[in-house]
N, C-alpha and C. Protein backbone atom coordinates (compact mmCIF):
# COMPACT_ATOMS: atom_id res chain seq x y z
N MET A 1 -20.63 -3.83 -14.51
CA MET A 1 -19.76 -3.38 -13.19
C MET A 1 -19.30 -2.17 -13.71
N GLU A 2 -19.49 -1.35 -12.18
CA GLU A 2 -18.86 0.30 -12.14
C GLU A 2 -17.88 0.05 -11.87
N MET A 3 -16.49 0.47 -12.70
CA MET A 3 -15.38 0.61 -12.57
C MET A 3 -14.53 0.97 -11.20
N ASP A 4 -15.63 1.95 -10.71
CA ASP A 4 -15.01 2.79 -9.68
C ASP A 4 -15.31 2.03 -8.21
N ARG A 5 -16.39 1.18 -8.08
CA ARG A 5 -16.24 0.65 -7.08
C ARG A 5 -16.79 -0.65 -7.44
N LEU A 6 -16.14 -1.88 -6.50
CA LEU A 6 -15.81 -3.22 -6.99
C LEU A 6 -16.40 -3.83 -5.65
N TYR A 7 -17.29 -4.83 -6.20
CA TYR A 7 -18.17 -5.83 -5.06
C TYR A 7 -17.25 -6.94 -5.24
N LEU A 8 -17.50 -8.08 -4.18
CA LEU A 8 -17.06 -9.28 -4.09
C LEU A 8 -17.42 -9.99 -5.82
N GLU A 9 -18.57 -9.64 -6.10
CA GLU A 9 -18.73 -10.54 -7.32
C GLU A 9 -18.07 -10.21 -8.45
N ASP A 10 -17.40 -8.98 -8.31
CA ASP A 10 -16.76 -8.37 -9.49
C ASP A 10 -15.11 -8.76 -9.57
N LEU A 11 -14.76 -9.40 -8.65
CA LEU A 11 -13.51 -9.28 -8.51
C LEU A 11 -13.03 -11.04 -8.86
N GLN A 12 -11.91 -11.22 -9.51
CA GLN A 12 -11.48 -12.59 -9.76
C GLN A 12 -10.08 -13.11 -9.10
N VAL A 13 -9.66 -14.02 -8.87
CA VAL A 13 -8.39 -14.29 -8.65
C VAL A 13 -7.75 -13.91 -9.92
N GLY A 14 -6.53 -13.19 -9.98
CA GLY A 14 -5.48 -12.96 -10.97
C GLY A 14 -5.54 -11.36 -11.79
N GLN A 15 -6.85 -10.72 -11.21
CA GLN A 15 -7.32 -9.97 -11.23
C GLN A 15 -6.26 -8.72 -10.99
N ARG A 16 -5.83 -7.69 -11.68
CA ARG A 16 -4.78 -6.93 -11.34
C ARG A 16 -5.14 -5.34 -11.63
N PHE A 17 -4.82 -4.54 -10.65
CA PHE A 17 -4.97 -3.47 -10.53
C PHE A 17 -3.19 -2.29 -10.61
N THR A 18 -3.73 -1.14 -11.07
CA THR A 18 -2.50 -0.05 -10.85
C THR A 18 -2.73 1.02 -10.15
N SER A 19 -1.98 1.80 -9.47
CA SER A 19 -2.60 3.17 -9.03
C SER A 19 -1.97 4.33 -9.33
N GLY A 20 -2.13 5.55 -9.26
CA GLY A 20 -1.76 6.54 -9.47
C GLY A 20 -0.35 6.48 -9.11
N THR A 21 0.31 7.40 -8.68
CA THR A 21 1.51 8.04 -8.21
C THR A 21 1.57 8.94 -7.34
N TYR A 22 2.61 8.89 -6.58
CA TYR A 22 2.69 9.56 -5.37
C TYR A 22 4.56 9.86 -5.28
N LEU A 23 4.84 11.46 -4.85
CA LEU A 23 5.96 11.83 -4.92
C LEU A 23 6.51 11.83 -3.57
N MET A 24 7.51 11.14 -3.27
CA MET A 24 7.96 11.29 -1.65
C MET A 24 9.02 12.58 -1.67
N GLU A 25 8.32 13.22 -0.86
CA GLU A 25 9.09 14.60 -0.72
C GLU A 25 9.98 14.86 0.64
N GLU A 26 11.25 15.30 0.59
CA GLU A 26 11.95 15.29 1.64
C GLU A 26 11.80 15.88 2.94
N SER A 27 10.73 16.79 2.78
CA SER A 27 10.14 17.63 3.85
C SER A 27 9.00 16.82 4.54
N ARG A 28 8.26 16.10 3.84
CA ARG A 28 7.10 15.45 4.04
C ARG A 28 7.61 14.10 4.85
N ILE A 29 8.98 13.96 4.51
CA ILE A 29 9.69 12.76 4.91
C ILE A 29 10.15 13.07 6.38
N LYS A 30 10.54 14.06 6.74
CA LYS A 30 10.87 14.54 7.69
C LYS A 30 9.69 14.90 8.95
N GLU A 31 8.90 15.33 8.17
CA GLU A 31 7.67 15.87 9.08
C GLU A 31 6.92 14.61 9.94
N PHE A 32 6.88 13.42 8.70
CA PHE A 32 6.26 12.39 9.32
C PHE A 32 7.09 11.56 10.21
N ALA A 33 8.28 11.13 10.43
CA ALA A 33 9.53 11.17 11.12
C ALA A 33 9.51 11.70 12.41
N ALA A 34 8.89 13.23 12.40
CA ALA A 34 9.47 13.96 13.46
C ALA A 34 8.01 13.65 14.50
N GLU A 35 6.97 13.16 13.61
CA GLU A 35 6.02 13.14 14.39
C GLU A 35 5.80 11.28 15.16
N PHE A 36 6.13 10.33 13.79
CA PHE A 36 5.51 9.27 14.25
C PHE A 36 7.21 8.15 14.37
N ASP A 37 8.56 8.64 13.62
CA ASP A 37 9.30 7.59 13.47
C ASP A 37 10.64 8.14 13.63
N PRO A 38 10.96 8.92 15.21
CA PRO A 38 11.94 9.71 15.11
C PRO A 38 13.53 9.18 15.10
N GLN A 39 13.80 8.60 14.08
CA GLN A 39 14.74 8.24 14.26
C GLN A 39 15.68 8.85 13.08
N PRO A 40 17.15 9.21 13.32
CA PRO A 40 18.10 9.98 12.91
C PRO A 40 18.33 10.03 11.51
N PHE A 41 18.26 8.55 10.66
CA PHE A 41 18.08 8.15 9.22
C PHE A 41 16.88 8.89 8.76
N HIS A 42 15.90 9.04 9.31
CA HIS A 42 14.81 9.59 8.89
C HIS A 42 14.56 11.11 8.70
N LEU A 43 15.29 11.86 9.56
CA LEU A 43 15.03 13.14 10.14
C LEU A 43 16.19 14.00 9.34
N ASP A 44 17.43 13.37 8.89
CA ASP A 44 18.69 14.13 9.11
C ASP A 44 19.79 13.57 8.05
N GLU A 45 19.95 14.26 6.72
CA GLU A 45 20.53 13.85 5.78
C GLU A 45 21.90 13.32 6.17
N ALA A 46 23.06 13.79 6.92
CA ALA A 46 23.90 13.61 7.41
C ALA A 46 24.07 12.39 8.47
N ALA A 47 22.81 12.31 9.04
CA ALA A 47 23.03 10.83 9.61
C ALA A 47 22.62 9.73 9.01
N GLY A 48 21.76 10.23 8.09
CA GLY A 48 21.39 8.82 7.05
C GLY A 48 22.39 8.42 6.25
N ARG A 49 23.38 9.58 5.65
CA ARG A 49 24.70 8.79 5.26
C ARG A 49 25.56 8.20 5.97
N THR A 50 25.55 8.11 7.61
CA THR A 50 26.34 7.17 8.22
C THR A 50 25.95 6.11 8.61
N SER A 51 24.37 5.91 8.25
CA SER A 51 23.89 5.20 8.62
C SER A 51 23.63 3.52 7.56
N VAL A 52 23.31 2.87 7.80
CA VAL A 52 23.37 1.70 7.04
C VAL A 52 22.58 1.81 5.46
N PHE A 53 21.72 2.58 5.40
CA PHE A 53 20.97 3.40 4.20
C PHE A 53 21.81 4.37 3.54
N LYS A 54 22.90 4.69 4.09
CA LYS A 54 23.70 5.61 3.26
C LYS A 54 23.15 7.05 2.62
N GLY A 55 21.84 7.60 2.98
CA GLY A 55 21.33 8.71 2.81
C GLY A 55 20.02 8.67 3.45
N LEU A 56 19.31 9.76 3.65
CA LEU A 56 17.97 9.91 4.51
C LEU A 56 16.95 8.96 3.46
N VAL A 57 16.35 8.72 4.28
CA VAL A 57 15.20 7.46 3.77
C VAL A 57 13.72 7.69 4.69
N ALA A 58 12.74 7.40 3.95
CA ALA A 58 11.59 7.25 4.40
C ALA A 58 11.24 6.48 5.61
N SER A 59 10.39 6.71 6.62
CA SER A 59 10.05 5.62 7.54
C SER A 59 9.46 4.53 6.74
N GLY A 60 9.30 3.66 7.14
CA GLY A 60 8.54 2.47 6.22
C GLY A 60 7.06 2.55 6.66
N TRP A 61 6.79 3.01 7.80
CA TRP A 61 5.45 3.36 8.10
C TRP A 61 4.98 4.42 7.24
N HIS A 62 5.67 5.50 6.98
CA HIS A 62 5.26 6.32 5.96
C HIS A 62 4.97 5.94 4.76
N THR A 63 5.68 4.78 4.64
CA THR A 63 5.85 4.30 2.73
C THR A 63 4.59 3.36 2.91
N ALA A 64 4.43 2.84 4.38
CA ALA A 64 2.83 2.01 4.61
C ALA A 64 1.66 3.03 4.34
N ALA A 65 2.05 4.24 4.84
CA ALA A 65 0.55 5.40 4.92
C ALA A 65 0.41 5.75 3.52
N VAL A 66 1.72 5.77 2.48
CA VAL A 66 1.40 6.52 1.03
C VAL A 66 0.79 5.26 0.53
N ALA A 67 1.12 3.69 0.71
CA ALA A 67 0.46 2.74 0.25
C ALA A 67 -1.06 2.63 0.19
N ILE A 68 -1.58 2.76 1.56
CA ILE A 68 -2.97 2.99 1.77
C ILE A 68 -3.56 3.86 1.14
N ARG A 69 -2.81 5.28 0.88
CA ARG A 69 -3.59 6.57 0.36
C ARG A 69 -3.88 5.96 -1.32
N LEU A 70 -2.69 5.57 -1.91
CA LEU A 70 -2.72 5.08 -2.99
C LEU A 70 -3.90 3.94 -3.73
N LEU A 71 -4.14 3.16 -2.75
CA LEU A 71 -5.14 1.96 -2.84
C LEU A 71 -6.58 2.67 -2.51
N ALA A 72 -6.37 3.46 -1.75
CA ALA A 72 -7.94 3.98 -1.24
C ALA A 72 -8.36 5.12 -2.46
N THR A 73 -7.21 5.51 -3.23
CA THR A 73 -7.80 6.59 -4.02
C THR A 73 -7.76 6.11 -5.43
N GLY A 74 -8.02 4.89 -5.84
CA GLY A 74 -8.30 4.27 -6.66
C GLY A 74 -7.37 3.21 -7.46
N GLY A 75 -6.37 2.95 -6.39
CA GLY A 75 -5.36 1.71 -6.70
C GLY A 75 -5.88 0.34 -6.54
N LEU A 76 -6.96 0.22 -5.58
CA LEU A 76 -7.88 -0.74 -5.15
C LEU A 76 -9.27 -0.54 -5.27
N PRO A 77 -10.19 0.12 -6.26
CA PRO A 77 -11.35 0.40 -6.05
C PRO A 77 -12.71 -0.51 -5.43
N ILE A 78 -12.10 -0.76 -4.10
CA ILE A 78 -13.46 -1.78 -3.53
C ILE A 78 -14.27 -0.70 -3.25
N ALA A 79 -15.65 -1.64 -3.09
CA ALA A 79 -16.86 -0.95 -2.67
C ALA A 79 -16.72 -0.97 -1.39
N ASN A 80 -17.28 0.12 -0.70
CA ASN A 80 -17.06 0.33 1.00
C ASN A 80 -15.82 0.38 1.61
N GLY A 81 -14.81 0.35 0.96
CA GLY A 81 -13.53 0.78 1.21
C GLY A 81 -12.67 -0.29 1.37
N VAL A 82 -11.23 0.00 1.68
CA VAL A 82 -10.40 -0.93 1.92
C VAL A 82 -10.26 -1.22 3.60
N ILE A 83 -10.86 -2.16 3.48
CA ILE A 83 -10.74 -2.59 4.91
C ILE A 83 -10.40 -4.02 5.36
N GLY A 84 -9.19 -3.77 6.20
CA GLY A 84 -8.17 -4.81 6.28
C GLY A 84 -8.31 -5.79 7.56
N PHE A 85 -8.29 -6.95 7.18
CA PHE A 85 -8.13 -8.34 8.45
C PHE A 85 -6.55 -8.40 9.27
N GLY A 86 -5.82 -7.76 8.31
CA GLY A 86 -4.27 -8.35 8.68
C GLY A 86 -3.62 -8.31 7.57
N GLY A 87 -2.26 -8.52 7.43
CA GLY A 87 -1.44 -8.83 6.55
C GLY A 87 0.05 -9.10 6.76
N GLU A 88 0.87 -9.19 5.83
CA GLU A 88 2.18 -9.42 5.86
C GLU A 88 2.94 -8.26 5.16
N ILE A 89 3.98 -7.35 5.83
CA ILE A 89 4.58 -6.36 5.23
C ILE A 89 6.17 -6.49 4.95
N ALA A 90 6.54 -6.07 3.42
CA ALA A 90 8.15 -6.39 4.03
C ALA A 90 8.65 -4.88 3.11
N TRP A 91 9.60 -4.49 3.48
CA TRP A 91 10.55 -3.50 2.71
C TRP A 91 11.83 -3.74 2.21
N PRO A 92 11.67 -4.44 0.86
CA PRO A 92 12.91 -4.86 0.43
C PRO A 92 13.64 -3.69 -0.11
N LYS A 93 13.95 -2.55 -0.02
CA LYS A 93 14.28 -1.47 -0.51
C LYS A 93 14.10 -0.16 0.57
N PRO A 94 14.82 0.59 0.80
CA PRO A 94 14.35 1.88 1.39
C PRO A 94 13.67 2.92 -0.10
N THR A 95 12.66 3.64 0.61
CA THR A 95 11.92 4.90 -0.03
C THR A 95 12.81 5.97 0.37
N ARG A 96 13.33 6.66 -0.97
CA ARG A 96 14.23 8.22 -0.88
C ARG A 96 13.59 9.34 -1.32
N PRO A 97 13.94 10.25 -0.67
CA PRO A 97 13.56 11.75 -1.46
C PRO A 97 13.25 11.74 -2.88
N GLY A 98 12.37 12.11 -3.37
CA GLY A 98 12.39 12.30 -5.01
C GLY A 98 11.50 11.01 -5.37
N ASP A 99 11.71 10.22 -4.78
CA ASP A 99 10.93 8.55 -5.35
C ASP A 99 9.67 8.93 -5.71
N VAL A 100 9.08 8.14 -6.89
CA VAL A 100 8.02 8.55 -7.53
C VAL A 100 7.38 7.25 -7.31
N LEU A 101 6.37 7.17 -6.53
CA LEU A 101 5.96 5.33 -6.17
C LEU A 101 4.50 5.10 -6.90
N HIS A 102 4.22 4.00 -6.79
CA HIS A 102 2.88 3.66 -7.63
C HIS A 102 2.63 2.18 -6.89
N ILE A 103 1.56 1.57 -7.18
CA ILE A 103 1.16 0.40 -6.66
C ILE A 103 0.40 -0.56 -7.70
N GLU A 104 1.27 -1.70 -7.67
CA GLU A 104 0.45 -2.93 -8.50
C GLU A 104 0.03 -3.71 -7.42
N SER A 105 -1.51 -4.26 -7.99
CA SER A 105 -2.04 -5.44 -6.81
C SER A 105 -2.60 -6.41 -7.57
N GLU A 106 -2.92 -7.32 -7.09
CA GLU A 106 -3.41 -8.74 -7.66
C GLU A 106 -4.04 -9.42 -6.59
N ILE A 107 -5.22 -9.90 -7.08
CA ILE A 107 -6.05 -10.58 -6.12
C ILE A 107 -5.79 -12.17 -6.53
N VAL A 108 -5.50 -12.58 -4.90
CA VAL A 108 -4.76 -14.03 -4.76
C VAL A 108 -6.02 -14.77 -4.60
N GLU A 109 -6.24 -14.62 -3.85
CA GLU A 109 -7.69 -15.70 -3.04
C GLU A 109 -8.65 -15.00 -2.65
N ILE A 110 -10.36 -15.47 -3.23
CA ILE A 110 -11.28 -15.17 -2.79
C ILE A 110 -11.82 -16.23 -1.94
N VAL A 111 -12.39 -15.68 -0.71
CA VAL A 111 -13.10 -16.75 0.17
C VAL A 111 -14.33 -16.30 0.70
N PRO A 112 -15.65 -16.45 -0.21
CA PRO A 112 -17.03 -16.16 0.21
C PRO A 112 -17.15 -16.45 2.03
N SER A 113 -17.99 -15.69 2.56
CA SER A 113 -18.43 -15.89 4.10
C SER A 113 -19.28 -17.11 3.95
N ARG A 114 -19.47 -18.33 4.60
CA ARG A 114 -20.43 -19.08 4.77
C ARG A 114 -21.09 -18.78 5.68
N SER A 115 -21.01 -18.04 6.96
CA SER A 115 -21.99 -17.39 7.95
C SER A 115 -22.45 -16.21 7.64
N LYS A 116 -21.89 -15.56 6.62
CA LYS A 116 -22.11 -14.00 6.39
C LYS A 116 -22.38 -13.87 4.94
N PRO A 117 -23.50 -14.55 4.10
CA PRO A 117 -23.15 -14.50 2.71
C PRO A 117 -23.10 -13.17 2.15
N GLN A 118 -23.20 -12.09 2.66
CA GLN A 118 -23.35 -10.55 1.83
C GLN A 118 -21.82 -10.31 1.78
N GLN A 119 -21.08 -10.96 2.32
CA GLN A 119 -19.26 -10.65 2.34
C GLN A 119 -18.46 -11.68 2.32
N GLY A 120 -17.14 -11.41 2.07
CA GLY A 120 -16.37 -12.70 1.97
C GLY A 120 -14.84 -11.71 2.13
N VAL A 121 -13.81 -12.96 2.23
CA VAL A 121 -12.53 -12.23 2.44
C VAL A 121 -11.44 -12.53 0.97
N VAL A 122 -10.90 -11.26 0.73
CA VAL A 122 -10.14 -11.47 -0.44
C VAL A 122 -8.64 -11.14 0.18
N THR A 123 -7.71 -11.98 -0.31
CA THR A 123 -6.52 -11.96 -0.24
C THR A 123 -5.74 -11.15 -1.47
N VAL A 124 -5.07 -9.92 -1.31
CA VAL A 124 -4.55 -8.98 -2.17
C VAL A 124 -2.98 -9.18 -2.16
N ARG A 125 -2.33 -9.01 -3.02
CA ARG A 125 -0.98 -8.81 -2.74
C ARG A 125 -0.32 -7.34 -4.03
N SER A 126 0.14 -6.55 -3.03
CA SER A 126 0.42 -5.38 -3.50
C SER A 126 2.06 -5.30 -3.36
N ARG A 127 2.49 -4.48 -4.56
CA ARG A 127 3.93 -4.55 -4.50
C ARG A 127 4.06 -2.86 -4.77
N MET A 128 4.64 -2.11 -3.92
CA MET A 128 4.74 -0.28 -4.31
C MET A 128 6.57 -0.47 -4.80
N LEU A 129 6.26 0.10 -6.10
CA LEU A 129 7.62 0.15 -7.13
C LEU A 129 8.01 1.66 -6.75
N ASN A 130 9.32 2.04 -6.88
CA ASN A 130 9.65 3.74 -7.46
C ASN A 130 9.72 3.75 -8.70
N GLN A 131 10.49 5.14 -9.11
CA GLN A 131 10.70 5.46 -10.65
C GLN A 131 11.41 4.44 -11.26
N ASN A 132 12.13 3.73 -10.55
CA ASN A 132 13.05 2.93 -11.51
C ASN A 132 12.50 1.26 -11.39
N ASP A 133 11.47 1.15 -11.24
CA ASP A 133 10.67 -0.14 -11.16
C ASP A 133 11.31 -0.96 -9.75
N GLU A 134 11.78 -0.40 -9.04
CA GLU A 134 12.45 -1.16 -7.56
C GLU A 134 11.67 -1.40 -6.75
N VAL A 135 11.10 -2.55 -6.07
CA VAL A 135 10.05 -2.71 -4.89
C VAL A 135 10.50 -2.29 -3.57
N VAL A 136 9.64 -1.26 -3.34
CA VAL A 136 9.89 -0.82 -1.70
C VAL A 136 9.39 -1.22 -1.02
N TYR A 137 7.91 -1.75 -0.85
CA TYR A 137 7.18 -2.10 -0.46
C TYR A 137 6.09 -3.27 -0.90
N VAL A 138 6.22 -4.52 0.09
CA VAL A 138 5.03 -5.55 -0.05
C VAL A 138 4.21 -5.67 0.75
N LEU A 139 2.77 -5.87 0.34
CA LEU A 139 1.95 -5.98 1.39
C LEU A 139 1.10 -7.13 0.66
N THR A 140 0.55 -8.22 1.61
CA THR A 140 0.07 -9.37 1.09
C THR A 140 -1.25 -9.17 2.34
N ALA A 141 -2.38 -8.64 2.31
CA ALA A 141 -3.41 -8.26 2.75
C ALA A 141 -4.56 -9.42 2.76
N LYS A 142 -5.35 -9.44 3.77
CA LYS A 142 -6.58 -10.09 3.77
C LYS A 142 -7.61 -8.79 4.08
N LEU A 143 -8.80 -8.86 3.17
CA LEU A 143 -9.75 -7.50 3.20
C LEU A 143 -10.82 -7.93 3.42
N LEU A 144 -11.79 -7.49 4.00
CA LEU A 144 -13.25 -7.75 4.07
C LEU A 144 -13.94 -7.08 2.75
N VAL A 145 -14.61 -7.51 1.97
CA VAL A 145 -15.46 -6.96 0.76
C VAL A 145 -16.69 -7.35 0.92
N PHE A 146 -17.38 -6.87 0.54
CA PHE A 146 -18.94 -6.64 0.34
C PHE A 146 -19.87 -7.13 -0.79
N ARG A 147 -20.66 -7.66 -1.05
CA ARG A 147 -21.43 -7.97 -2.38
C ARG A 147 -22.37 -7.26 -2.45
N ARG A 148 -22.96 -6.67 -3.65
CA ARG A 148 -23.95 -5.74 -3.77
C ARG A 148 -25.08 -6.02 -2.79
N ALA A 149 -25.82 -4.97 -2.61
CA ALA A 149 -27.10 -5.26 -1.88
C ALA A 149 -28.06 -5.90 -2.80
N ILE A 150 -29.01 -6.89 -2.41
CA ILE A 150 -29.63 -7.52 -3.11
C ILE A 150 -31.32 -6.37 -3.25
């Protein structure tokens, strides 16, 4: 089994993966927010302090984008890429400037396709944690995963 590229037949329920880390820099938080989620608590420290967050926080979508980066760059080494069919997302705690994030993932279900035997759907639960082991993002996703070519 090649460790850097896993196929459907390499996966099993309960299998776990851990990504590398990513530093959330204040400037990147503001740049992402300015383009994609221009809300005051993502753009300005003073506005963040007067918000429910009590400080500057990253957009949840920025956190999600970091999650896919961590998964795609080794945190979930699926052959042919991390191809999502959908899922459920939660942000239990905000991501803040200076947070060092990583993802821990677990395979929770594997359903081989009956109509397309070369593929299946794998359900993965991923939790993103900061440097204090606080969960800032949870994704339960259904992924398209292929078998090795015969």
